[in-house]
Amino acid sequence: MGVAGSGKTTVAALVAGRLGVPLAEADEFHPAANIAKMRSGHPLTDQDRMPWLAAIAEWIGERGRDGGGVVTCSALKRSYRDLLGRAAPRVVFVYLHGTREVLADRMRGRTGHFMPVSLLDSQLADLEPLAADEDGWTLDITHTPGELAEAAVRALTEGDQP
């Protein structure tokens, strides 16, 4: 989880590969209207996000019944994570945290993505970082994707605190 530019897709692909489980990219669950709205520079509302979150929760529930999986999702608010967390017996969040400056630089450097840098501030405003009572860990994105994936896998498989 994390805002745009945090490296969710890159790190999730590494984690899924190391664990040998399916990977889903949350952007694939967005209705076309959501993508068009973001592409035009307008932030999504909670109402916009609910069908998207429900579809992700369904995917999580299916994976929970057949061996697990990894899915990227901004999961900006606690209420979103609560909804996703109810989808399977155990849902663990890995929050990829970075400064606004690092996130914006990364967003400016990528091509072919619908999310404009202008929406970063709205995501940061909505962001509710993981609380102490949530199942998951916060990782600093100044580490390499490989280091982040290794820390997440170690925490998931060995119970080590990253």
N, C-alpha and C. Protein backbone atom coordinates (compact mmCIF):
# COMPACT_ATOMS: atom_id res chain seq x y z
N MET A 1 0.85 -1.18 0.00
CA MET A 1 0.00 0.00 0.00
C MET A 1 0.88 1.23 0.00
N GLY A 2 0.29 2.34 -0.41
CA GLY A 2 1.01 3.61 -0.42
C GLY A 2 0.49 4.47 -1.55
N VAL A 3 0.92 5.70 -1.55
CA VAL A 3 0.47 6.63 -2.57
C VAL A 3 1.16 6.35 -3.90
N ALA A 4 0.73 7.03 -4.93
CA ALA A 4 1.34 6.89 -6.25
C ALA A 4 2.83 7.19 -6.17
N GLY A 5 3.62 6.42 -6.89
CA GLY A 5 5.05 6.65 -6.94
C GLY A 5 5.84 5.95 -5.85
N SER A 6 5.16 5.23 -4.96
CA SER A 6 5.87 4.59 -3.85
C SER A 6 6.56 3.29 -4.24
N GLY A 7 6.24 2.76 -5.41
CA GLY A 7 6.89 1.52 -5.85
C GLY A 7 6.08 0.27 -5.59
N LYS A 8 4.78 0.44 -5.38
CA LYS A 8 3.93 -0.71 -5.05
C LYS A 8 4.03 -1.83 -6.07
N THR A 9 3.91 -1.51 -7.34
CA THR A 9 3.90 -2.54 -8.38
C THR A 9 5.24 -3.26 -8.45
N THR A 10 6.32 -2.52 -8.41
CA THR A 10 7.65 -3.12 -8.50
C THR A 10 7.92 -4.04 -7.32
N VAL A 11 7.67 -3.55 -6.12
CA VAL A 11 7.94 -4.35 -4.92
C VAL A 11 6.98 -5.54 -4.84
N ALA A 12 5.71 -5.32 -5.15
CA ALA A 12 4.74 -6.41 -5.09
C ALA A 12 5.10 -7.54 -6.05
N ALA A 13 5.57 -7.20 -7.24
CA ALA A 13 5.96 -8.23 -8.21
C ALA A 13 7.12 -9.06 -7.65
N LEU A 14 8.07 -8.42 -7.01
CA LEU A 14 9.19 -9.15 -6.41
C LEU A 14 8.72 -10.04 -5.28
N VAL A 15 7.84 -9.52 -4.43
CA VAL A 15 7.33 -10.31 -3.30
C VAL A 15 6.54 -11.51 -3.81
N ALA A 16 5.64 -11.29 -4.76
CA ALA A 16 4.84 -12.39 -5.30
C ALA A 16 5.73 -13.45 -5.93
N GLY A 17 6.75 -13.01 -6.66
CA GLY A 17 7.68 -13.96 -7.28
C GLY A 17 8.43 -14.78 -6.25
N ARG A 18 8.88 -14.15 -5.20
CA ARG A 18 9.63 -14.86 -4.16
C ARG A 18 8.74 -15.81 -3.38
N LEU A 19 7.48 -15.45 -3.21
CA LEU A 19 6.55 -16.31 -2.47
C LEU A 19 5.88 -17.34 -3.37
N GLY A 20 5.97 -17.15 -4.68
CA GLY A 20 5.33 -18.06 -5.62
C GLY A 20 3.81 -18.00 -5.58
N VAL A 21 3.28 -16.79 -5.45
CA VAL A 21 1.83 -16.59 -5.39
C VAL A 21 1.39 -15.63 -6.48
N PRO A 22 0.09 -15.63 -6.81
CA PRO A 22 -0.41 -14.71 -7.84
C PRO A 22 -0.27 -13.24 -7.42
N LEU A 23 -0.14 -12.39 -8.43
CA LEU A 23 -0.04 -10.94 -8.24
C LEU A 23 -1.18 -10.27 -8.98
N ALA A 24 -1.78 -9.28 -8.35
CA ALA A 24 -2.77 -8.44 -9.02
C ALA A 24 -2.39 -6.98 -8.81
N GLU A 25 -2.58 -6.19 -9.83
CA GLU A 25 -2.32 -4.75 -9.80
C GLU A 25 -3.66 -4.05 -9.63
N ALA A 26 -3.81 -3.29 -8.58
CA ALA A 26 -5.10 -2.66 -8.25
C ALA A 26 -5.64 -1.78 -9.37
N ASP A 27 -4.75 -1.17 -10.14
CA ASP A 27 -5.23 -0.32 -11.23
C ASP A 27 -6.10 -1.09 -12.22
N GLU A 28 -5.87 -2.40 -12.33
CA GLU A 28 -6.65 -3.22 -13.25
C GLU A 28 -8.11 -3.39 -12.79
N PHE A 29 -8.39 -3.08 -11.53
CA PHE A 29 -9.73 -3.22 -10.99
C PHE A 29 -10.56 -1.95 -11.12
N HIS A 30 -9.92 -0.85 -11.51
CA HIS A 30 -10.63 0.43 -11.64
C HIS A 30 -11.60 0.40 -12.81
N PRO A 31 -12.81 0.90 -12.61
CA PRO A 31 -13.68 1.11 -13.78
C PRO A 31 -13.07 2.20 -14.67
N ALA A 32 -13.41 2.16 -15.94
CA ALA A 32 -12.86 3.13 -16.90
C ALA A 32 -13.11 4.57 -16.47
N ALA A 33 -14.26 4.82 -15.84
CA ALA A 33 -14.58 6.18 -15.40
C ALA A 33 -13.59 6.69 -14.36
N ASN A 34 -13.13 5.81 -13.47
CA ASN A 34 -12.14 6.22 -12.46
C ASN A 34 -10.83 6.60 -13.13
N ILE A 35 -10.40 5.80 -14.07
CA ILE A 35 -9.13 6.09 -14.76
C ILE A 35 -9.23 7.41 -15.51
N ALA A 36 -10.35 7.61 -16.19
CA ALA A 36 -10.54 8.86 -16.93
C ALA A 36 -10.54 10.06 -15.98
N LYS A 37 -11.16 9.89 -14.83
CA LYS A 37 -11.23 10.98 -13.85
C LYS A 37 -9.83 11.33 -13.35
N MET A 38 -9.04 10.32 -13.01
CA MET A 38 -7.69 10.58 -12.52
C MET A 38 -6.81 11.14 -13.64
N ARG A 39 -6.92 10.58 -14.82
CA ARG A 39 -6.11 11.05 -15.96
C ARG A 39 -6.36 12.55 -16.21
N SER A 40 -7.60 12.99 -15.98
CA SER A 40 -7.93 14.40 -16.20
C SER A 40 -7.56 15.28 -15.02
N GLY A 41 -6.92 14.68 -13.99
CA GLY A 41 -6.42 15.47 -12.86
C GLY A 41 -7.38 15.64 -11.71
N HIS A 42 -8.45 14.83 -11.67
CA HIS A 42 -9.43 14.94 -10.59
C HIS A 42 -9.29 13.76 -9.63
N PRO A 43 -9.17 14.05 -8.33
CA PRO A 43 -9.03 12.95 -7.38
C PRO A 43 -10.32 12.15 -7.24
N LEU A 44 -10.18 10.88 -6.90
CA LEU A 44 -11.34 10.04 -6.66
C LEU A 44 -11.94 10.35 -5.30
N THR A 45 -13.24 10.13 -5.20
CA THR A 45 -13.96 10.26 -3.94
C THR A 45 -14.10 8.87 -3.32
N ASP A 46 -14.53 8.82 -2.08
CA ASP A 46 -14.81 7.52 -1.46
C ASP A 46 -15.85 6.76 -2.27
N GLN A 47 -16.83 7.46 -2.78
CA GLN A 47 -17.88 6.82 -3.59
C GLN A 47 -17.28 6.21 -4.86
N ASP A 48 -16.35 6.92 -5.50
CA ASP A 48 -15.67 6.38 -6.67
C ASP A 48 -14.90 5.11 -6.33
N ARG A 49 -14.29 5.10 -5.16
CA ARG A 49 -13.40 4.00 -4.79
C ARG A 49 -14.12 2.74 -4.33
N MET A 50 -15.36 2.83 -3.87
CA MET A 50 -16.02 1.67 -3.28
C MET A 50 -16.15 0.47 -4.22
N PRO A 51 -16.60 0.62 -5.47
CA PRO A 51 -16.66 -0.56 -6.35
C PRO A 51 -15.27 -1.15 -6.62
N TRP A 52 -14.29 -0.29 -6.72
CA TRP A 52 -12.90 -0.71 -6.93
C TRP A 52 -12.41 -1.52 -5.74
N LEU A 53 -12.63 -1.00 -4.53
CA LEU A 53 -12.21 -1.72 -3.33
C LEU A 53 -12.96 -3.04 -3.18
N ALA A 54 -14.24 -3.06 -3.52
CA ALA A 54 -15.03 -4.30 -3.44
C ALA A 54 -14.46 -5.35 -4.39
N ALA A 55 -14.05 -4.95 -5.58
CA ALA A 55 -13.46 -5.89 -6.54
C ALA A 55 -12.12 -6.42 -6.03
N ILE A 56 -11.32 -5.57 -5.44
CA ILE A 56 -10.05 -6.01 -4.87
C ILE A 56 -10.31 -6.97 -3.71
N ALA A 57 -11.26 -6.64 -2.86
CA ALA A 57 -11.60 -7.50 -1.73
C ALA A 57 -12.06 -8.88 -2.22
N GLU A 58 -12.80 -8.91 -3.30
CA GLU A 58 -13.23 -10.20 -3.87
C GLU A 58 -12.01 -11.02 -4.30
N TRP A 59 -11.06 -10.38 -4.96
CA TRP A 59 -9.84 -11.06 -5.38
C TRP A 59 -9.09 -11.59 -4.16
N ILE A 60 -8.97 -10.77 -3.13
CA ILE A 60 -8.29 -11.19 -1.90
C ILE A 60 -9.00 -12.40 -1.30
N GLY A 61 -10.32 -12.36 -1.25
CA GLY A 61 -11.09 -13.47 -0.71
C GLY A 61 -10.84 -14.76 -1.47
N GLU A 62 -10.80 -14.68 -2.78
CA GLU A 62 -10.52 -15.86 -3.61
C GLU A 62 -9.12 -16.39 -3.32
N ARG A 63 -8.13 -15.52 -3.23
CA ARG A 63 -6.76 -15.96 -2.93
C ARG A 63 -6.68 -16.53 -1.52
N GLY A 64 -7.46 -15.98 -0.60
CA GLY A 64 -7.45 -16.48 0.77
C GLY A 64 -7.92 -17.93 0.86
N ARG A 65 -8.74 -18.33 -0.11
CA ARG A 65 -9.23 -19.72 -0.14
C ARG A 65 -8.28 -20.66 -0.87
N ASP A 66 -7.35 -20.13 -1.65
CA ASP A 66 -6.49 -21.03 -2.42
C ASP A 66 -5.01 -20.65 -2.41
N GLY A 67 -4.48 -20.36 -1.24
CA GLY A 67 -3.03 -20.24 -1.12
C GLY A 67 -2.42 -18.87 -1.02
N GLY A 68 -3.21 -17.82 -1.09
CA GLY A 68 -2.67 -16.48 -0.91
C GLY A 68 -2.33 -15.79 -2.21
N GLY A 69 -1.93 -14.56 -2.08
CA GLY A 69 -1.59 -13.73 -3.22
C GLY A 69 -1.08 -12.39 -2.75
N VAL A 70 -0.64 -11.59 -3.70
CA VAL A 70 -0.16 -10.23 -3.43
C VAL A 70 -0.93 -9.30 -4.34
N VAL A 71 -1.47 -8.23 -3.77
CA VAL A 71 -2.17 -7.24 -4.57
C VAL A 71 -1.68 -5.85 -4.18
N THR A 72 -1.47 -5.02 -5.18
CA THR A 72 -1.13 -3.63 -4.90
C THR A 72 -2.43 -2.87 -4.68
N CYS A 73 -2.38 -1.90 -3.83
CA CYS A 73 -3.55 -1.04 -3.59
C CYS A 73 -3.06 0.14 -2.77
N SER A 74 -3.51 1.32 -3.12
CA SER A 74 -3.11 2.48 -2.34
C SER A 74 -3.59 2.34 -0.89
N ALA A 75 -4.80 1.81 -0.70
CA ALA A 75 -5.34 1.57 0.65
C ALA A 75 -5.08 2.76 1.57
N LEU A 76 -5.43 3.93 1.08
CA LEU A 76 -5.05 5.17 1.76
C LEU A 76 -5.68 5.35 3.14
N LYS A 77 -6.88 4.86 3.31
CA LYS A 77 -7.59 5.11 4.56
C LYS A 77 -7.78 3.82 5.36
N ARG A 78 -7.86 3.99 6.66
CA ARG A 78 -8.09 2.84 7.55
C ARG A 78 -9.37 2.12 7.16
N SER A 79 -10.42 2.86 6.82
CA SER A 79 -11.68 2.21 6.46
C SER A 79 -11.52 1.34 5.22
N TYR A 80 -10.68 1.74 4.28
CA TYR A 80 -10.42 0.91 3.10
C TYR A 80 -9.70 -0.37 3.51
N ARG A 81 -8.71 -0.23 4.38
CA ARG A 81 -7.94 -1.39 4.83
C ARG A 81 -8.81 -2.33 5.65
N ASP A 82 -9.72 -1.76 6.44
CA ASP A 82 -10.64 -2.61 7.20
C ASP A 82 -11.50 -3.44 6.26
N LEU A 83 -12.01 -2.82 5.20
CA LEU A 83 -12.81 -3.54 4.21
C LEU A 83 -11.98 -4.65 3.56
N LEU A 84 -10.78 -4.35 3.13
CA LEU A 84 -9.91 -5.34 2.50
C LEU A 84 -9.51 -6.43 3.49
N GLY A 85 -9.28 -6.05 4.72
CA GLY A 85 -8.84 -7.00 5.74
C GLY A 85 -9.89 -8.04 6.11
N ARG A 86 -11.14 -7.71 5.88
CA ARG A 86 -12.22 -8.66 6.17
C ARG A 86 -12.40 -9.70 5.07
N ALA A 87 -11.68 -9.55 3.97
CA ALA A 87 -11.88 -10.41 2.80
C ALA A 87 -11.26 -11.80 2.94
N ALA A 88 -10.31 -11.96 3.83
CA ALA A 88 -9.62 -13.25 3.99
C ALA A 88 -9.21 -13.40 5.45
N PRO A 89 -8.87 -14.62 5.87
CA PRO A 89 -8.49 -14.82 7.27
C PRO A 89 -7.34 -13.95 7.74
N ARG A 90 -6.35 -13.71 6.88
CA ARG A 90 -5.26 -12.80 7.25
C ARG A 90 -4.86 -11.98 6.04
N VAL A 91 -4.94 -10.68 6.20
CA VAL A 91 -4.50 -9.74 5.19
C VAL A 91 -3.44 -8.86 5.85
N VAL A 92 -2.26 -8.83 5.27
CA VAL A 92 -1.14 -8.07 5.82
C VAL A 92 -0.84 -6.92 4.88
N PHE A 93 -0.63 -5.74 5.45
CA PHE A 93 -0.33 -4.56 4.66
C PHE A 93 1.15 -4.20 4.78
N VAL A 94 1.77 -3.92 3.65
CA VAL A 94 3.14 -3.42 3.62
C VAL A 94 3.04 -2.00 3.06
N TYR A 95 3.21 -1.04 3.95
CA TYR A 95 3.08 0.37 3.59
C TYR A 95 4.43 0.91 3.13
N LEU A 96 4.50 1.30 1.87
CA LEU A 96 5.71 1.87 1.30
C LEU A 96 5.65 3.38 1.48
N HIS A 97 6.44 3.86 2.41
CA HIS A 97 6.40 5.27 2.82
C HIS A 97 7.58 6.04 2.23
N GLY A 98 7.28 7.24 1.76
CA GLY A 98 8.33 8.12 1.27
C GLY A 98 7.93 9.57 1.41
N THR A 99 8.89 10.44 1.27
CA THR A 99 8.61 11.88 1.35
C THR A 99 7.92 12.34 0.07
N ARG A 100 7.26 13.46 0.15
CA ARG A 100 6.58 14.02 -1.01
C ARG A 100 7.58 14.25 -2.15
N GLU A 101 8.76 14.74 -1.80
CA GLU A 101 9.76 15.05 -2.81
C GLU A 101 10.19 13.79 -3.58
N VAL A 102 10.47 12.72 -2.86
CA VAL A 102 10.88 11.47 -3.51
C VAL A 102 9.74 10.92 -4.36
N LEU A 103 8.53 10.94 -3.82
CA LEU A 103 7.36 10.43 -4.56
C LEU A 103 7.14 11.23 -5.85
N ALA A 104 7.18 12.55 -5.73
CA ALA A 104 6.97 13.40 -6.92
C ALA A 104 8.05 13.17 -7.97
N ASP A 105 9.30 13.05 -7.54
CA ASP A 105 10.39 12.78 -8.49
C ASP A 105 10.16 11.46 -9.22
N ARG A 106 9.74 10.45 -8.48
CA ARG A 106 9.48 9.15 -9.12
C ARG A 106 8.32 9.25 -10.11
N MET A 107 7.28 9.96 -9.73
CA MET A 107 6.12 10.09 -10.62
C MET A 107 6.51 10.83 -11.90
N ARG A 108 7.31 11.88 -11.77
CA ARG A 108 7.74 12.63 -12.95
C ARG A 108 8.61 11.77 -13.87
N GLY A 109 9.31 10.80 -13.30
CA GLY A 109 10.22 9.98 -14.08
C GLY A 109 9.58 8.79 -14.77
N ARG A 110 8.32 8.50 -14.49
CA ARG A 110 7.71 7.33 -15.13
C ARG A 110 6.87 7.75 -16.32
N THR A 111 6.74 6.83 -17.24
CA THR A 111 5.97 7.10 -18.45
C THR A 111 4.84 6.09 -18.58
N GLY A 112 3.78 6.50 -19.27
CA GLY A 112 2.69 5.59 -19.56
C GLY A 112 1.73 5.32 -18.43
N HIS A 113 1.78 6.08 -17.36
CA HIS A 113 0.84 5.88 -16.26
C HIS A 113 -0.17 7.02 -16.26
N PHE A 114 -1.42 6.68 -15.92
CA PHE A 114 -2.51 7.66 -15.99
C PHE A 114 -2.50 8.67 -14.84
N MET A 115 -1.81 8.39 -13.75
CA MET A 115 -1.87 9.24 -12.56
C MET A 115 -0.91 10.42 -12.69
N PRO A 116 -1.44 11.65 -12.79
CA PRO A 116 -0.55 12.81 -12.89
C PRO A 116 0.01 13.21 -11.53
N VAL A 117 1.17 13.83 -11.55
CA VAL A 117 1.81 14.29 -10.32
C VAL A 117 0.89 15.25 -9.56
N SER A 118 0.03 15.95 -10.27
CA SER A 118 -0.87 16.92 -9.62
C SER A 118 -1.80 16.27 -8.61
N LEU A 119 -2.00 14.95 -8.68
CA LEU A 119 -2.88 14.27 -7.72
C LEU A 119 -2.15 13.75 -6.48
N LEU A 120 -0.83 13.88 -6.45
CA LEU A 120 -0.07 13.38 -5.31
C LEU A 120 -0.51 14.03 -4.01
N ASP A 121 -0.70 15.34 -4.00
CA ASP A 121 -1.08 16.02 -2.77
C ASP A 121 -2.43 15.56 -2.25
N SER A 122 -3.38 15.27 -3.16
CA SER A 122 -4.68 14.79 -2.70
C SER A 122 -4.55 13.39 -2.08
N GLN A 123 -3.67 12.57 -2.63
CA GLN A 123 -3.44 11.25 -2.03
C GLN A 123 -2.78 11.39 -0.66
N LEU A 124 -1.80 12.25 -0.56
CA LEU A 124 -1.14 12.45 0.73
C LEU A 124 -2.10 13.02 1.77
N ALA A 125 -3.03 13.86 1.33
CA ALA A 125 -4.02 14.42 2.26
C ALA A 125 -4.97 13.33 2.78
N ASP A 126 -5.31 12.37 1.92
CA ASP A 126 -6.20 11.27 2.32
C ASP A 126 -5.49 10.18 3.11
N LEU A 127 -4.18 10.09 2.98
CA LEU A 127 -3.41 8.99 3.57
C LEU A 127 -3.53 8.95 5.09
N GLU A 128 -3.90 7.78 5.57
CA GLU A 128 -3.88 7.47 7.01
C GLU A 128 -2.87 6.34 7.16
N PRO A 129 -1.66 6.65 7.64
CA PRO A 129 -0.65 5.60 7.76
C PRO A 129 -1.14 4.44 8.62
N LEU A 130 -0.48 3.30 8.48
CA LEU A 130 -0.83 2.14 9.29
C LEU A 130 -0.81 2.49 10.77
N ALA A 131 -1.82 2.03 11.47
CA ALA A 131 -1.89 2.21 12.92
C ALA A 131 -1.23 1.01 13.60
N ALA A 132 -0.86 1.18 14.84
CA ALA A 132 -0.16 0.12 15.59
C ALA A 132 -0.98 -1.16 15.68
N ASP A 133 -2.30 -1.06 15.64
CA ASP A 133 -3.14 -2.26 15.77
C ASP A 133 -3.47 -2.92 14.43
N GLU A 134 -2.90 -2.42 13.32
CA GLU A 134 -3.13 -3.03 12.02
C GLU A 134 -2.01 -4.03 11.73
N ASP A 135 -2.36 -5.11 11.04
CA ASP A 135 -1.41 -6.16 10.70
C ASP A 135 -0.58 -5.70 9.50
N GLY A 136 0.65 -5.32 9.75
CA GLY A 136 1.50 -4.88 8.66
C GLY A 136 2.72 -4.13 9.14
N TRP A 137 3.47 -3.63 8.15
CA TRP A 137 4.72 -2.95 8.43
C TRP A 137 4.87 -1.74 7.52
N THR A 138 5.63 -0.78 7.99
CA THR A 138 5.96 0.40 7.20
C THR A 138 7.41 0.28 6.77
N LEU A 139 7.64 0.43 5.46
CA LEU A 139 8.99 0.35 4.92
C LEU A 139 9.32 1.66 4.21
N ASP A 140 10.56 2.10 4.36
CA ASP A 140 11.04 3.35 3.78
C ASP A 140 11.48 3.12 2.34
N ILE A 141 10.89 3.87 1.41
CA ILE A 141 11.16 3.64 -0.02
C ILE A 141 12.53 4.12 -0.48
N THR A 142 13.34 4.65 0.42
CA THR A 142 14.70 4.99 0.01
C THR A 142 15.55 3.74 -0.16
N HIS A 143 15.06 2.59 0.33
CA HIS A 143 15.74 1.32 0.10
C HIS A 143 15.42 0.84 -1.32
N THR A 144 16.23 -0.05 -1.85
CA THR A 144 15.99 -0.57 -3.19
C THR A 144 14.74 -1.45 -3.19
N PRO A 145 14.12 -1.63 -4.35
CA PRO A 145 12.98 -2.55 -4.41
C PRO A 145 13.34 -3.95 -3.92
N GLY A 146 14.53 -4.43 -4.25
CA GLY A 146 14.96 -5.74 -3.78
C GLY A 146 15.05 -5.82 -2.27
N GLU A 147 15.60 -4.77 -1.66
CA GLU A 147 15.69 -4.73 -0.19
C GLU A 147 14.30 -4.68 0.44
N LEU A 148 13.41 -3.89 -0.15
CA LEU A 148 12.05 -3.80 0.38
C LEU A 148 11.34 -5.14 0.26
N ALA A 149 11.47 -5.79 -0.89
CA ALA A 149 10.83 -7.09 -1.08
C ALA A 149 11.39 -8.11 -0.10
N GLU A 150 12.69 -8.11 0.08
CA GLU A 150 13.32 -9.06 1.00
C GLU A 150 12.82 -8.83 2.43
N ALA A 151 12.71 -7.59 2.85
CA ALA A 151 12.21 -7.28 4.19
C ALA A 151 10.77 -7.76 4.35
N ALA A 152 9.96 -7.53 3.33
CA ALA A 152 8.55 -7.95 3.39
C ALA A 152 8.43 -9.46 3.43
N VAL A 153 9.18 -10.15 2.59
CA VAL A 153 9.12 -11.62 2.58
C VAL A 153 9.61 -12.19 3.90
N ARG A 154 10.69 -11.66 4.42
CA ARG A 154 11.22 -12.12 5.70
C ARG A 154 10.19 -11.91 6.81
N ALA A 155 9.55 -10.77 6.81
CA ALA A 155 8.54 -10.49 7.83
C ALA A 155 7.35 -11.44 7.70
N LEU A 156 6.94 -11.71 6.47
CA LEU A 156 5.79 -12.59 6.25
C LEU A 156 6.09 -14.04 6.56
N THR A 157 7.27 -14.50 6.22
CA THR A 157 7.58 -15.92 6.38
C THR A 157 8.23 -16.27 7.70
N GLU A 158 8.98 -15.34 8.26
CA GLU A 158 9.72 -15.64 9.48
C GLU A 158 9.22 -14.85 10.69
N GLY A 159 8.32 -13.91 10.43
CA GLY A 159 7.81 -13.10 11.52
C GLY A 159 8.77 -12.04 12.02
N ASP A 160 9.86 -11.83 11.29
CA ASP A 160 10.83 -10.80 11.67
C ASP A 160 10.25 -9.42 11.43
N GLN A 161 10.52 -8.51 12.31
CA GLN A 161 10.13 -7.12 12.10
C GLN A 161 11.08 -6.51 11.09
N PRO A 162 10.56 -5.94 9.99
CA PRO A 162 11.46 -5.35 8.99
C PRO A 162 12.20 -4.14 9.52
